Amino acid sequence: MKRALGILFCCTLVLAAGLGVAVLQATVHQDAGELDRLTKESEAFELKRAHLEEENARIELGVREQWNATEMKEGEVEEL
């Protein structure tokens, strides 16, 4: 009887350990999925940031060109 209880106890421990491993694997799998999602979001954010920086540089260049053209016109008016 004691032997049967000992075997039952060992089997219970093995099942509990197996369940614990399964839970840990599921958690790791879920965390890996979350990491993949966050990585994709980060890459998309970096692409958008790069695009906005390029657009900002074009706008700044256009403003500088207009500013320089305005200053040149003002200089011509002052000379007259």
PDB file of N, CA and C in Angstrom:
ATOM      1  N   MET A   1       0.825  -1.194   0.000  1.00  0.00           N
ATOM      2  CA  MET A   1       0.000   0.000   0.000  1.00  0.00           C
ATOM      3  C   MET A   1       0.865   1.252   0.000  1.00  0.00           C
ATOM      4  N   LYS A   2       1.907   1.234   0.873  1.00  0.00           N
ATOM      5  CA  LYS A   2       2.790   2.400   0.909  1.00  0.00           C
ATOM      6  C   LYS A   2       3.487   2.589  -0.430  1.00  0.00           C
ATOM      7  N   ARG A   3       3.841   1.464  -1.040  1.00  0.00           N
ATOM      8  CA  ARG A   3       4.519   1.549  -2.333  1.00  0.00           C
ATOM      9  C   ARG A   3       3.590   2.171  -3.374  1.00  0.00           C
ATOM     10  N   ALA A   4       2.330   1.773  -3.382  1.00  0.00           N
ATOM     11  CA  ALA A   4       1.355   2.319  -4.330  1.00  0.00           C
ATOM     12  C   ALA A   4       1.167   3.813  -4.098  1.00  0.00           C
ATOM     13  N   LEU A   5       1.108   4.221  -2.828  1.00  0.00           N
ATOM     14  CA  LEU A   5       0.981   5.651  -2.525  1.00  0.00           C
ATOM     15  C   LEU A   5       2.234   6.413  -2.958  1.00  0.00           C
ATOM     16  N   GLY A   6       3.393   5.802  -2.761  1.00  0.00           N
ATOM     17  CA  GLY A   6       4.643   6.431  -3.195  1.00  0.00           C
ATOM     18  C   GLY A   6       4.682   6.615  -4.699  1.00  0.00           C
ATOM     19  N   ILE A   7       4.250   5.585  -5.428  1.00  0.00           N
ATOM     20  CA  ILE A   7       4.212   5.679  -6.896  1.00  0.00           C
ATOM     21  C   ILE A   7       3.206   6.734  -7.322  1.00  0.00           C
ATOM     22  N   LEU A   8       2.045   6.757  -6.683  1.00  0.00           N
ATOM     23  CA  LEU A   8       1.021   7.761  -6.993  1.00  0.00           C
ATOM     24  C   LEU A   8       1.546   9.167  -6.724  1.00  0.00           C
ATOM     25  N   PHE A   9       2.250   9.325  -5.598  1.00  0.00           N
ATOM     26  CA  PHE A   9       2.829  10.626  -5.255  1.00  0.00           C
ATOM     27  C   PHE A   9       3.856  11.061  -6.308  1.00  0.00           C
ATOM     28  N   CYS A  10       4.720  10.131  -6.721  1.00  0.00           N
ATOM     29  CA  CYS A  10       5.731  10.452  -7.745  1.00  0.00           C
ATOM     30  C   CYS A  10       5.070  10.823  -9.068  1.00  0.00           C
ATOM     31  N   CYS A  11       4.036  10.076  -9.435  1.00  0.00           N
ATOM     32  CA  CYS A  11       3.322  10.389 -10.681  1.00  0.00           C
ATOM     33  C   CYS A  11       2.677  11.771 -10.606  1.00  0.00           C
ATOM     34  N   THR A  12       2.128  12.095  -9.451  1.00  0.00           N
ATOM     35  CA  THR A  12       1.523  13.417  -9.255  1.00  0.00           C
ATOM     36  C   THR A  12       2.573  14.513  -9.401  1.00  0.00           C
ATOM     37  N   LEU A  13       3.746  14.287  -8.826  1.00  0.00           N
ATOM     38  CA  LEU A  13       4.827  15.272  -8.961  1.00  0.00           C
ATOM     39  C   LEU A  13       5.250  15.438 -10.415  1.00  0.00           C
ATOM     40  N   VAL A  14       5.362  14.333 -11.128  1.00  0.00           N
ATOM     41  CA  VAL A  14       5.752  14.382 -12.544  1.00  0.00           C
ATOM     42  C   VAL A  14       4.699  15.138 -13.350  1.00  0.00           C
ATOM     43  N   LEU A  15       3.432  14.862 -13.097  1.00  0.00           N
ATOM     44  CA  LEU A  15       2.357  15.565 -13.809  1.00  0.00           C
ATOM     45  C   LEU A  15       2.365  17.059 -13.487  1.00  0.00           C
ATOM     46  N   ALA A  16       2.579  17.383 -12.220  1.00  0.00           N
ATOM     47  CA  ALA A  16       2.630  18.794 -11.826  1.00  0.00           C
ATOM     48  C   ALA A  16       3.816  19.488 -12.493  1.00  0.00           C
ATOM     49  N   ALA A  17       4.953  18.810 -12.529  1.00  0.00           N
ATOM     50  CA  ALA A  17       6.126  19.393 -13.185  1.00  0.00           C
ATOM     51  C   ALA A  17       5.861  19.568 -14.673  1.00  0.00           C
ATOM     52  N   GLY A  18       5.220  18.568 -15.284  1.00  0.00           N
ATOM     53  CA  GLY A  18       4.881  18.670 -16.711  1.00  0.00           C
ATOM     54  C   GLY A  18       3.932  19.820 -16.977  1.00  0.00           C
ATOM     55  N   LEU A  19       2.960  19.997 -16.109  1.00  0.00           N
ATOM     56  CA  LEU A  19       2.020  21.107 -16.247  1.00  0.00           C
ATOM     57  C   LEU A  19       2.742  22.438 -16.088  1.00  0.00           C
ATOM     58  N   GLY A  20       3.654  22.505 -15.126  1.00  0.00           N
ATOM     59  CA  GLY A  20       4.433  23.730 -14.933  1.00  0.00           C
ATOM     60  C   GLY A  20       5.263  24.067 -16.155  1.00  0.00           C
ATOM     61  N   VAL A  21       5.873  23.051 -16.744  1.00  0.00           N
ATOM     62  CA  VAL A  21       6.669  23.267 -17.961  1.00  0.00           C
ATOM     63  C   VAL A  21       5.767  23.737 -19.095  1.00  0.00           C
ATOM     64  N   ALA A  22       4.592  23.142 -19.225  1.00  0.00           N
ATOM     65  CA  ALA A  22       3.664  23.542 -20.281  1.00  0.00           C
ATOM     66  C   ALA A  22       3.236  24.997 -20.107  1.00  0.00           C
ATOM     67  N   VAL A  23       2.972  25.400 -18.881  1.00  0.00           N
ATOM     68  CA  VAL A  23       2.590  26.791 -18.607  1.00  0.00           C
ATOM     69  C   VAL A  23       3.741  27.729 -18.950  1.00  0.00           C
ATOM     70  N   LEU A  24       4.947  27.352 -18.566  1.00  0.00           N
ATOM     71  CA  LEU A  24       6.111  28.187 -18.886  1.00  0.00           C
ATOM     72  C   LEU A  24       6.323  28.298 -20.392  1.00  0.00           C
ATOM     73  N   GLN A  25       6.150  27.192 -21.115  1.00  0.00           N
ATOM     74  CA  GLN A  25       6.300  27.229 -22.566  1.00  0.00           C
ATOM     75  C   GLN A  25       5.249  28.131 -23.200  1.00  0.00           C
ATOM     76  N   ALA A  26       4.027  28.064 -22.711  1.00  0.00           N
ATOM     77  CA  ALA A  26       2.963  28.921 -23.238  1.00  0.00           C
ATOM     78  C   ALA A  26       3.277  30.387 -22.968  1.00  0.00           C
ATOM     79  N   THR A  27       3.794  30.668 -21.785  1.00  0.00           N
ATOM     80  CA  THR A  27       4.154  32.045 -21.441  1.00  0.00           C
ATOM     81  C   THR A  27       5.281  32.549 -22.327  1.00  0.00           C
ATOM     82  N   VAL A  28       6.290  31.709 -22.529  1.00  0.00           N
ATOM     83  CA  VAL A  28       7.414  32.090 -23.392  1.00  0.00           C
ATOM     84  C   VAL A  28       6.925  32.319 -24.815  1.00  0.00           C
ATOM     85  N   HIS A  29       6.049  31.444 -25.299  1.00  0.00           N
ATOM     86  CA  HIS A  29       5.505  31.597 -26.651  1.00  0.00           C
ATOM     87  C   HIS A  29       4.716  32.900 -26.772  1.00  0.00           C
ATOM     88  N   GLN A  30       3.922  33.206 -25.763  1.00  0.00           N
ATOM     89  CA  GLN A  30       3.142  34.445 -25.768  1.00  0.00           C
ATOM     90  C   GLN A  30       4.074  35.654 -25.727  1.00  0.00           C
ATOM     91  N   ASP A  31       5.105  35.591 -24.888  1.00  0.00           N
ATOM     92  CA  ASP A  31       6.065  36.689 -24.802  1.00  0.00           C
ATOM     93  C   ASP A  31       6.809  36.871 -26.119  1.00  0.00           C
ATOM     94  N   ALA A  32       7.133  35.767 -26.793  1.00  0.00           N
ATOM     95  CA  ALA A  32       7.814  35.854 -28.088  1.00  0.00           C
ATOM     96  C   ALA A  32       6.904  36.517 -29.114  1.00  0.00           C
ATOM     97  N   GLY A  33       5.618  36.176 -29.083  1.00  0.00           N
ATOM     98  CA  GLY A  33       4.663  36.819 -29.989  1.00  0.00           C
ATOM     99  C   GLY A  33       4.552  38.306 -29.713  1.00  0.00           C
ATOM    100  N   GLU A  34       4.529  38.672 -28.451  1.00  0.00           N
ATOM    101  CA  GLU A  34       4.461  40.088 -28.064  1.00  0.00           C
ATOM    102  C   GLU A  34       5.724  40.820 -28.501  1.00  0.00           C
ATOM    103  N   LEU A  35       6.873  40.168 -28.349  1.00  0.00           N
ATOM    104  CA  LEU A  35       8.137  40.767 -28.780  1.00  0.00           C
ATOM    105  C   LEU A  35       8.148  40.980 -30.289  1.00  0.00           C
ATOM    106  N   ASP A  36       7.663  40.014 -31.046  1.00  0.00           N
ATOM    107  CA  ASP A  36       7.580  40.167 -32.501  1.00  0.00           C
ATOM    108  C   ASP A  36       6.682  41.343 -32.866  1.00  0.00           C
ATOM    109  N   ARG A  37       5.546  41.447 -32.198  1.00  0.00           N
ATOM    110  CA  ARG A  37       4.610  42.544 -32.486  1.00  0.00           C
ATOM    111  C   ARG A  37       5.253  43.890 -32.182  1.00  0.00           C
ATOM    112  N   LEU A  38       5.916  43.980 -31.035  1.00  0.00           N
ATOM    113  CA  LEU A  38       6.560  45.236 -30.658  1.00  0.00           C
ATOM    114  C   LEU A  38       7.712  45.577 -31.598  1.00  0.00           C
ATOM    115  N   THR A  39       8.434  44.565 -32.059  1.00  0.00           N
ATOM    116  CA  THR A  39       9.524  44.796 -33.005  1.00  0.00           C
ATOM    117  C   THR A  39       8.976  45.356 -34.311  1.00  0.00           C
ATOM    118  N   LYS A  40       7.886  44.790 -34.799  1.00  0.00           N
ATOM    119  CA  LYS A  40       7.277  45.287 -36.037  1.00  0.00           C
ATOM    120  C   LYS A  40       6.775  46.715 -35.857  1.00  0.00           C
ATOM    121  N   GLU A  41       6.155  46.997 -34.715  1.00  0.00           N
ATOM    122  CA  GLU A  41       5.687  48.359 -34.452  1.00  0.00           C
ATOM    123  C   GLU A  41       6.860  49.332 -34.390  1.00  0.00           C
ATOM    124  N   SER A  42       7.948  48.908 -33.787  1.00  0.00           N
ATOM    125  CA  SER A  42       9.134  49.755 -33.676  1.00  0.00           C
ATOM    126  C   SER A  42       9.718  50.040 -35.053  1.00  0.00           C
ATOM    127  N   GLU A  43       9.789  49.019 -35.902  1.00  0.00           N
ATOM    128  CA  GLU A  43      10.306  49.211 -37.256  1.00  0.00           C
ATOM    129  C   GLU A  43       9.407  50.162 -38.039  1.00  0.00           C
ATOM    130  N   ALA A  44       8.094  50.009 -37.901  1.00  0.00           N
ATOM    131  CA  ALA A  44       7.162  50.901 -38.594  1.00  0.00           C
ATOM    132  C   ALA A  44       7.326  52.330 -38.088  1.00  0.00           C
ATOM    133  N   PHE A  45       7.513  52.489 -36.780  1.00  0.00           N
ATOM    134  CA  PHE A  45       7.717  53.811 -36.206  1.00  0.00           C
ATOM    135  C   PHE A  45       8.995  54.446 -36.749  1.00  0.00           C
ATOM    136  N   GLU A  46      10.075  53.676 -36.840  1.00  0.00           N
ATOM    137  CA  GLU A  46      11.347  54.200 -37.346  1.00  0.00           C
ATOM    138  C   GLU A  46      11.216  54.623 -38.806  1.00  0.00           C
ATOM    139  N   LEU A  47      10.491  53.852 -39.610  1.00  0.00           N
ATOM    140  CA  LEU A  47      10.275  54.230 -41.009  1.00  0.00           C
ATOM    141  C   LEU A  47       9.481  55.530 -41.097  1.00  0.00           C
ATOM    142  N   LYS A  48       8.450  55.648 -40.273  1.00  0.00           N
ATOM    143  CA  LYS A  48       7.640  56.869 -40.284  1.00  0.00           C
ATOM    144  C   LYS A  48       8.466  58.062 -39.816  1.00  0.00           C
ATOM    145  N   ARG A  49       9.307  57.856 -38.790  1.00  0.00           N
ATOM    146  CA  ARG A  49      10.158  58.933 -38.292  1.00  0.00           C
ATOM    147  C   ARG A  49      11.128  59.392 -39.374  1.00  0.00           C
ATOM    148  N   ALA A  50      11.728  58.447 -40.090  1.00  0.00           N
ATOM    149  CA  ALA A  50      12.660  58.790 -41.165  1.00  0.00           C
ATOM    150  C   ALA A  50      11.939  59.565 -42.261  1.00  0.00           C
ATOM    151  N   HIS A  51      10.724  59.140 -42.598  1.00  0.00           N
ATOM    152  CA  HIS A  51       9.944  59.843 -43.620  1.00  0.00           C
ATOM    153  C   HIS A  51       9.624  61.273 -43.170  1.00  0.00           C
ATOM    154  N   LEU A  52       9.236  61.431 -41.903  1.00  0.00           N
ATOM    155  CA  LEU A  52       8.915  62.764 -41.394  1.00  0.00           C
ATOM    156  C   LEU A  52      10.152  63.661 -41.336  1.00  0.00           C
ATOM    157  N   GLU A  53      11.313  63.077 -41.024  1.00  0.00           N
ATOM    158  CA  GLU A  53      12.545  63.865 -41.016  1.00  0.00           C
ATOM    159  C   GLU A  53      12.884  64.356 -42.420  1.00  0.00           C
ATOM    160  N   GLU A  54      12.701  63.494 -43.434  1.00  0.00           N
ATOM    161  CA  GLU A  54      12.942  63.902 -44.816  1.00  0.00           C
ATOM    162  C   GLU A  54      11.974  65.008 -45.231  1.00  0.00           C
ATOM    163  N   GLU A  55      10.716  64.841 -44.868  1.00  0.00           N
ATOM    164  CA  GLU A  55       9.709  65.853 -45.203  1.00  0.00           C
ATOM    165  C   GLU A  55      10.031  67.175 -44.508  1.00  0.00           C
ATOM    166  N   ASN A  56      10.453  67.109 -43.260  1.00  0.00           N
ATOM    167  CA  ASN A  56      10.827  68.304 -42.512  1.00  0.00           C
ATOM    168  C   ASN A  56      12.016  69.005 -43.171  1.00  0.00           C
ATOM    169  N   ALA A  57      12.997  68.232 -43.624  1.00  0.00           N
ATOM    170  CA  ALA A  57      14.166  68.820 -44.289  1.00  0.00           C
ATOM    171  C   ALA A  57      13.754  69.524 -45.578  1.00  0.00           C
ATOM    172  N   ARG A  58      12.838  68.926 -46.345  1.00  0.00           N
ATOM    173  CA  ARG A  58      12.362  69.574 -47.583  1.00  0.00           C
ATOM    174  C   ARG A  58      11.633  70.881 -47.260  1.00  0.00           C
ATOM    175  N   ILE A  59      10.815  70.869 -46.220  1.00  0.00           N
ATOM    176  CA  ILE A  59      10.077  72.078 -45.839  1.00  0.00           C
ATOM    177  C   ILE A  59      11.046  73.165 -45.389  1.00  0.00           C
ATOM    178  N   GLU A  60      12.035  72.793 -44.568  1.00  0.00           N
ATOM    179  CA  GLU A  60      13.027  73.773 -44.109  1.00  0.00           C
ATOM    180  C   GLU A  60      13.788  74.375 -45.281  1.00  0.00           C
ATOM    181  N   LEU A  61      14.149  73.550 -46.259  1.00  0.00           N
ATOM    182  CA  LEU A  61      14.857  74.048 -47.434  1.00  0.00           C
ATOM    183  C   LEU A  61      13.983  75.037 -48.204  1.00  0.00           C
ATOM    184  N   GLY A  62      12.708  74.703 -48.372  1.00  0.00           N
ATOM    185  CA  GLY A  62      11.793  75.606 -49.072  1.00  0.00           C
ATOM    186  C   GLY A  62      11.634  76.930 -48.338  1.00  0.00           C
ATOM    187  N   VAL A  63      11.537  76.882 -47.014  1.00  0.00           N
ATOM    188  CA  VAL A  63      11.401  78.108 -46.223  1.00  0.00           C
ATOM    189  C   VAL A  63      12.664  78.950 -46.340  1.00  0.00           C
ATOM    190  N   ARG A  64      13.842  78.299 -46.272  1.00  0.00           N
ATOM    191  CA  ARG A  64      15.099  79.047 -46.411  1.00  0.00           C
ATOM    192  C   ARG A  64      15.207  79.710 -47.780  1.00  0.00           C
ATOM    193  N   GLU A  65      14.806  78.978 -48.823  1.00  0.00           N
ATOM    194  CA  GLU A  65      14.857  79.550 -50.173  1.00  0.00           C
ATOM    195  C   GLU A  65      13.925  80.750 -50.283  1.00  0.00           C
ATOM    196  N   GLN A  66      12.731  80.642 -49.721  1.00  0.00           N
ATOM    197  CA  GLN A  66      11.801  81.775 -49.754  1.00  0.00           C
ATOM    198  C   GLN A  66      12.347  82.940 -48.937  1.00  0.00           C
ATOM    199  N   TRP A  67      12.945  82.636 -47.792  1.00  0.00           N
ATOM    200  CA  TRP A  67      13.522  83.674 -46.944  1.00  0.00           C
ATOM    201  C   TRP A  67      14.640  84.397 -47.692  1.00  0.00           C
ATOM    202  N   ASN A  68      15.522  83.645 -48.326  1.00  0.00           N
ATOM    203  CA  ASN A  68      16.625  84.249 -49.073  1.00  0.00           C
ATOM    204  C   ASN A  68      16.104  85.080 -50.239  1.00  0.00           C
ATOM    205  N   ALA A  69      15.089  84.590 -50.931  1.00  0.00           N
ATOM    206  CA  ALA A  69      14.516  85.345 -52.043  1.00  0.00           C
ATOM    207  C   ALA A  69      13.898  86.640 -51.540  1.00  0.00           C
ATOM    208  N   THR A  70      13.231  86.595 -50.398  1.00  0.00           N
ATOM    209  CA  THR A  70      12.629  87.799 -49.818  1.00  0.00           C
ATOM    210  C   THR A  70      13.709  88.796 -49.418  1.00  0.00           C
ATOM    211  N   GLU A  71      14.788  88.316 -48.805  1.00  0.00           N
ATOM    212  CA  GLU A  71      15.878  89.212 -48.415  1.00  0.00           C
ATOM    213  C   GLU A  71      16.530  89.853 -49.632  1.00  0.00           C
ATOM    214  N   MET A  72      16.676  89.091 -50.716  1.00  0.00           N
ATOM    215  CA  MET A  72      17.273  89.649 -51.933  1.00  0.00           C
ATOM    216  C   MET A  72      16.373  90.733 -52.509  1.00  0.00           C
ATOM    217  N   LYS A  73      15.058  90.512 -52.512  1.00  0.00           N
ATOM    218  CA  LYS A  73      14.126  91.512 -53.023  1.00  0.00           C
ATOM    219  C   LYS A  73      14.163  92.763 -52.155  1.00  0.00           C
ATOM    220  N   GLU A  74      14.227  92.592 -50.836  1.00  0.00           N
ATOM    221  CA  GLU A  74      14.304  93.740 -49.934  1.00  0.00           C
ATOM    222  C   GLU A  74      15.597  94.506 -50.164  1.00  0.00           C
ATOM    223  N   GLY A  75      16.687  93.797 -50.434  1.00  0.00           N
ATOM    224  CA  GLY A  75      17.970  94.446 -50.719  1.00  0.00           C
ATOM    225  C   GLY A  75      17.899  95.250 -52.002  1.00  0.00           C
ATOM    226  N   GLU A  76      17.208  94.743 -53.014  1.00  0.00           N
ATOM    227  CA  GLU A  76      17.063  95.459 -54.278  1.00  0.00           C
ATOM    228  C   GLU A  76      16.230  96.717 -54.082  1.00  0.00           C
ATOM    229  N   VAL A  77      15.192  96.634 -53.257  1.00  0.00           N
ATOM    230  CA  VAL A  77      14.329  97.786 -53.001  1.00  0.00           C
ATOM    231  C   VAL A  77      15.115  98.856 -52.257  1.00  0.00           C
ATOM    232  N   GLU A  78      15.941  98.481 -51.302  1.00  0.00           N
ATOM    233  CA  GLU A  78      16.724  99.444 -50.540  1.00  0.00           C
ATOM    234  C   GLU A  78      17.744 100.151 -51.424  1.00  0.00           C
ATOM    235  N   GLU A  79      18.273  99.468 -52.426  1.00  0.00           N
ATOM    236  CA  GLU A  79      19.260 100.069 -53.317  1.00  0.00           C
ATOM    237  C   GLU A  79      18.628 101.140 -54.191  1.00  0.00           C
ATOM    238  N   LEU A  80      17.360 100.996 -54.532  1.00  0.00           N
ATOM    239  CA  LEU A  80      16.680 101.965 -55.386  1.00  0.00           C
ATOM    240  C   LEU A  80      16.387 103.187 -54.585  1.00  0.00           C
TER     241      LEU A  80
END
